[in-house]
Amino acid sequence: MAGVRFGIRVKPGARRTAVGGRHGDALVVAVQAPAVEGKANEAVRRAVADAFGVRARDVVIAVGERGRDKVIEISGDHAETLERLLGK
């Protein structure tokens, strides 16, 4: 699978959903959903999908299902989008 793999830092329970900015080397993903029963993970998939212009099912949480620090995989060439969202 050719694609992009990167770290994210999730901020559950945020006032609004937003993707962008940095936490160390990780992309910040703020979601309104609480961190219970997988609600935040599903919200993260949807938010990242919207930011990268892909379907939510194409966003895979490869590492960190239960923590705030996760590794995301998206198939396709999205390096430029990632750089823009990270603010580089």
N, C-alpha and C. Protein backbone atom coordinates (compact mmCIF):
# COMPACT_ATOMS: atom_id res chain seq x y z
N MET A 1 0.84 -1.18 0.00
CA MET A 1 0.00 0.00 0.00
C MET A 1 0.89 1.24 0.00
N ALA A 2 0.87 1.97 -1.08
CA ALA A 2 1.60 3.23 -1.12
C ALA A 2 0.74 4.28 -0.45
N GLY A 3 1.34 5.05 0.41
CA GLY A 3 0.57 6.06 1.11
C GLY A 3 1.43 6.84 2.07
N VAL A 4 0.75 7.47 2.99
CA VAL A 4 1.44 8.29 3.98
C VAL A 4 1.08 7.76 5.38
N ARG A 5 2.07 7.77 6.25
CA ARG A 5 1.91 7.31 7.63
C ARG A 5 2.50 8.40 8.52
N PHE A 6 1.73 8.84 9.52
CA PHE A 6 2.17 9.94 10.35
C PHE A 6 1.52 9.87 11.73
N GLY A 7 2.16 10.55 12.67
CA GLY A 7 1.66 10.60 14.03
C GLY A 7 0.67 11.73 14.22
N ILE A 8 -0.31 11.49 15.09
CA ILE A 8 -1.25 12.55 15.46
C ILE A 8 -1.36 12.61 16.98
N ARG A 9 -1.77 13.76 17.47
CA ARG A 9 -2.09 13.95 18.88
C ARG A 9 -3.55 14.36 18.93
N VAL A 10 -4.38 13.54 19.59
CA VAL A 10 -5.82 13.76 19.63
C VAL A 10 -6.18 14.60 20.85
N LYS A 11 -7.08 15.55 20.64
CA LYS A 11 -7.64 16.35 21.72
C LYS A 11 -9.15 16.11 21.74
N PRO A 12 -9.60 15.09 22.48
CA PRO A 12 -11.04 14.80 22.54
C PRO A 12 -11.77 15.84 23.39
N GLY A 13 -13.08 15.97 23.16
CA GLY A 13 -13.89 16.89 23.93
C GLY A 13 -13.62 18.35 23.63
N ALA A 14 -13.10 18.64 22.45
CA ALA A 14 -12.79 20.02 22.05
C ALA A 14 -14.08 20.78 21.73
N ARG A 15 -14.01 22.09 21.73
CA ARG A 15 -15.17 22.91 21.37
C ARG A 15 -15.61 22.69 19.92
N ARG A 16 -14.60 22.50 19.07
CA ARG A 16 -14.91 22.26 17.65
C ARG A 16 -13.90 21.28 17.08
N THR A 17 -14.29 20.62 16.02
CA THR A 17 -13.41 19.68 15.34
C THR A 17 -12.47 20.47 14.43
N ALA A 18 -11.18 20.18 14.51
CA ALA A 18 -10.19 20.87 13.69
C ALA A 18 -8.97 19.98 13.50
N VAL A 19 -8.36 20.10 12.33
CA VAL A 19 -7.14 19.36 12.02
C VAL A 19 -6.09 20.38 11.60
N GLY A 20 -4.97 20.38 12.31
CA GLY A 20 -3.90 21.31 11.95
C GLY A 20 -3.09 21.71 13.16
N GLY A 21 -1.86 22.06 12.91
CA GLY A 21 -0.95 22.43 13.97
C GLY A 21 -0.09 21.27 14.39
N ARG A 22 0.78 21.54 15.34
CA ARG A 22 1.77 20.54 15.77
C ARG A 22 1.73 20.31 17.26
N HIS A 23 2.05 19.10 17.61
CA HIS A 23 2.39 18.72 18.99
C HIS A 23 3.66 17.90 18.84
N GLY A 24 4.82 18.54 19.00
CA GLY A 24 6.08 17.88 18.65
C GLY A 24 6.12 17.69 17.15
N ASP A 25 6.29 16.44 16.70
CA ASP A 25 6.25 16.13 15.27
C ASP A 25 4.88 15.66 14.81
N ALA A 26 3.93 15.58 15.72
CA ALA A 26 2.61 15.03 15.40
C ALA A 26 1.64 16.12 14.96
N LEU A 27 0.72 15.73 14.09
CA LEU A 27 -0.37 16.58 13.64
C LEU A 27 -1.44 16.60 14.74
N VAL A 28 -1.96 17.77 15.07
CA VAL A 28 -3.00 17.88 16.09
C VAL A 28 -4.37 17.69 15.46
N VAL A 29 -5.17 16.82 16.07
CA VAL A 29 -6.55 16.57 15.63
C VAL A 29 -7.46 16.77 16.84
N ALA A 30 -8.23 17.84 16.82
CA ALA A 30 -9.19 18.12 17.89
C ALA A 30 -10.56 17.65 17.44
N VAL A 31 -11.25 16.92 18.31
CA VAL A 31 -12.60 16.42 17.99
C VAL A 31 -13.53 16.73 19.16
N GLN A 32 -14.79 16.96 18.83
CA GLN A 32 -15.79 17.23 19.85
C GLN A 32 -16.17 15.98 20.63
N ALA A 33 -16.06 14.84 20.03
CA ALA A 33 -16.49 13.58 20.64
C ALA A 33 -15.66 13.28 21.89
N PRO A 34 -16.29 12.69 22.90
CA PRO A 34 -15.55 12.29 24.09
C PRO A 34 -14.73 11.03 23.85
N ALA A 35 -13.76 10.81 24.70
CA ALA A 35 -12.89 9.63 24.56
C ALA A 35 -13.51 8.43 25.27
N VAL A 36 -14.71 8.04 24.85
CA VAL A 36 -15.39 6.87 25.42
C VAL A 36 -15.96 6.01 24.31
N GLU A 37 -15.86 4.71 24.48
CA GLU A 37 -16.48 3.72 23.58
C GLU A 37 -16.13 3.94 22.11
N GLY A 38 -14.93 4.39 21.82
CA GLY A 38 -14.49 4.55 20.44
C GLY A 38 -15.06 5.74 19.71
N LYS A 39 -15.82 6.58 20.40
CA LYS A 39 -16.43 7.74 19.73
C LYS A 39 -15.37 8.71 19.21
N ALA A 40 -14.35 8.96 20.01
CA ALA A 40 -13.30 9.88 19.56
C ALA A 40 -12.53 9.30 18.38
N ASN A 41 -12.25 8.00 18.39
CA ASN A 41 -11.54 7.38 17.26
C ASN A 41 -12.32 7.53 15.96
N GLU A 42 -13.62 7.32 16.01
CA GLU A 42 -14.43 7.47 14.80
C GLU A 42 -14.45 8.93 14.35
N ALA A 43 -14.53 9.84 15.29
CA ALA A 43 -14.50 11.27 14.96
C ALA A 43 -13.15 11.65 14.36
N VAL A 44 -12.07 11.07 14.88
CA VAL A 44 -10.73 11.31 14.34
C VAL A 44 -10.66 10.84 12.89
N ARG A 45 -11.15 9.63 12.63
CA ARG A 45 -11.15 9.12 11.25
C ARG A 45 -11.90 10.06 10.30
N ARG A 46 -13.06 10.52 10.72
CA ARG A 46 -13.86 11.43 9.88
C ARG A 46 -13.15 12.76 9.67
N ALA A 47 -12.58 13.33 10.74
CA ALA A 47 -11.92 14.63 10.64
C ALA A 47 -10.69 14.56 9.74
N VAL A 48 -9.88 13.51 9.92
CA VAL A 48 -8.69 13.34 9.09
C VAL A 48 -9.09 13.10 7.63
N ALA A 49 -10.13 12.30 7.41
CA ALA A 49 -10.61 12.05 6.05
C ALA A 49 -11.04 13.34 5.38
N ASP A 50 -11.79 14.17 6.09
CA ASP A 50 -12.22 15.46 5.52
C ASP A 50 -11.02 16.34 5.18
N ALA A 51 -10.04 16.39 6.08
CA ALA A 51 -8.86 17.23 5.87
C ALA A 51 -8.03 16.79 4.67
N PHE A 52 -8.00 15.47 4.43
CA PHE A 52 -7.18 14.92 3.34
C PHE A 52 -7.99 14.63 2.08
N GLY A 53 -9.29 14.82 2.13
CA GLY A 53 -10.13 14.59 0.95
C GLY A 53 -10.27 13.13 0.58
N VAL A 54 -10.34 12.25 1.58
CA VAL A 54 -10.53 10.82 1.34
C VAL A 54 -11.75 10.35 2.13
N ARG A 55 -12.12 9.08 1.93
CA ARG A 55 -13.23 8.50 2.69
C ARG A 55 -12.74 8.11 4.08
N ALA A 56 -13.62 8.17 5.07
CA ALA A 56 -13.25 7.82 6.45
C ALA A 56 -12.74 6.39 6.53
N ARG A 57 -13.27 5.50 5.73
CA ARG A 57 -12.82 4.10 5.78
C ARG A 57 -11.40 3.93 5.22
N ASP A 58 -10.88 4.94 4.53
CA ASP A 58 -9.51 4.90 4.01
C ASP A 58 -8.48 5.39 5.03
N VAL A 59 -8.96 5.87 6.18
CA VAL A 59 -8.08 6.33 7.26
C VAL A 59 -7.99 5.21 8.28
N VAL A 60 -6.77 4.74 8.51
CA VAL A 60 -6.55 3.62 9.43
C VAL A 60 -5.74 4.10 10.63
N ILE A 61 -6.22 3.77 11.82
CA ILE A 61 -5.43 4.02 13.02
C ILE A 61 -4.55 2.80 13.19
N ALA A 62 -3.29 2.94 12.82
CA ALA A 62 -2.35 1.82 12.82
C ALA A 62 -1.82 1.52 14.21
N VAL A 63 -1.63 2.55 15.01
CA VAL A 63 -1.09 2.41 16.36
C VAL A 63 -1.82 3.39 17.27
N GLY A 64 -2.17 2.95 18.48
CA GLY A 64 -2.68 3.87 19.49
C GLY A 64 -4.18 3.98 19.59
N GLU A 65 -4.91 2.92 19.34
CA GLU A 65 -6.37 2.95 19.44
C GLU A 65 -6.86 3.52 20.77
N ARG A 66 -6.13 3.28 21.85
CA ARG A 66 -6.61 3.66 23.17
C ARG A 66 -5.93 4.88 23.79
N GLY A 67 -5.04 5.52 23.06
CA GLY A 67 -4.33 6.67 23.62
C GLY A 67 -4.54 7.93 22.80
N ARG A 68 -4.02 9.02 23.30
CA ARG A 68 -4.11 10.30 22.58
C ARG A 68 -3.11 10.37 21.43
N ASP A 69 -1.99 9.67 21.57
CA ASP A 69 -0.98 9.64 20.51
C ASP A 69 -1.24 8.43 19.63
N LYS A 70 -1.43 8.67 18.35
CA LYS A 70 -1.77 7.62 17.40
C LYS A 70 -0.90 7.73 16.16
N VAL A 71 -0.87 6.66 15.39
CA VAL A 71 -0.24 6.68 14.07
C VAL A 71 -1.33 6.37 13.06
N ILE A 72 -1.46 7.23 12.07
CA ILE A 72 -2.49 7.13 11.04
C ILE A 72 -1.86 6.72 9.72
N GLU A 73 -2.58 5.89 8.96
CA GLU A 73 -2.17 5.54 7.59
C GLU A 73 -3.29 5.92 6.63
N ILE A 74 -2.89 6.55 5.54
CA ILE A 74 -3.83 6.90 4.47
C ILE A 74 -3.18 6.49 3.15
N SER A 75 -3.91 5.73 2.34
CA SER A 75 -3.35 5.34 1.05
C SER A 75 -3.39 6.53 0.10
N GLY A 76 -2.43 6.56 -0.82
CA GLY A 76 -2.35 7.65 -1.78
C GLY A 76 -1.25 8.63 -1.41
N ASP A 77 -1.02 9.58 -2.29
CA ASP A 77 0.04 10.57 -2.09
C ASP A 77 -0.54 11.82 -1.45
N HIS A 78 -0.35 11.97 -0.16
CA HIS A 78 -0.91 13.10 0.58
C HIS A 78 0.17 13.87 1.33
N ALA A 79 1.41 13.74 0.90
CA ALA A 79 2.52 14.39 1.60
C ALA A 79 2.37 15.91 1.63
N GLU A 80 1.93 16.51 0.52
CA GLU A 80 1.78 17.96 0.47
C GLU A 80 0.70 18.43 1.43
N THR A 81 -0.41 17.71 1.49
CA THR A 81 -1.48 18.06 2.41
C THR A 81 -1.00 17.97 3.85
N LEU A 82 -0.24 16.92 4.17
CA LEU A 82 0.29 16.76 5.51
C LEU A 82 1.21 17.92 5.87
N GLU A 83 2.10 18.31 4.98
CA GLU A 83 3.01 19.43 5.22
C GLU A 83 2.24 20.72 5.48
N ARG A 84 1.18 20.95 4.70
CA ARG A 84 0.37 22.15 4.87
C ARG A 84 -0.33 22.15 6.23
N LEU A 85 -0.91 21.02 6.61
CA LEU A 85 -1.62 20.94 7.89
C LEU A 85 -0.67 21.06 9.09
N LEU A 86 0.55 20.58 8.93
CA LEU A 86 1.53 20.69 10.00
C LEU A 86 2.09 22.11 10.12
N GLY A 87 1.86 22.91 9.08
CA GLY A 87 2.34 24.29 9.10
C GLY A 87 3.79 24.43 8.72
N LYS A 88 4.31 23.51 7.90
CA LYS A 88 5.72 23.58 7.49
C LYS A 88 5.85 24.53 6.32
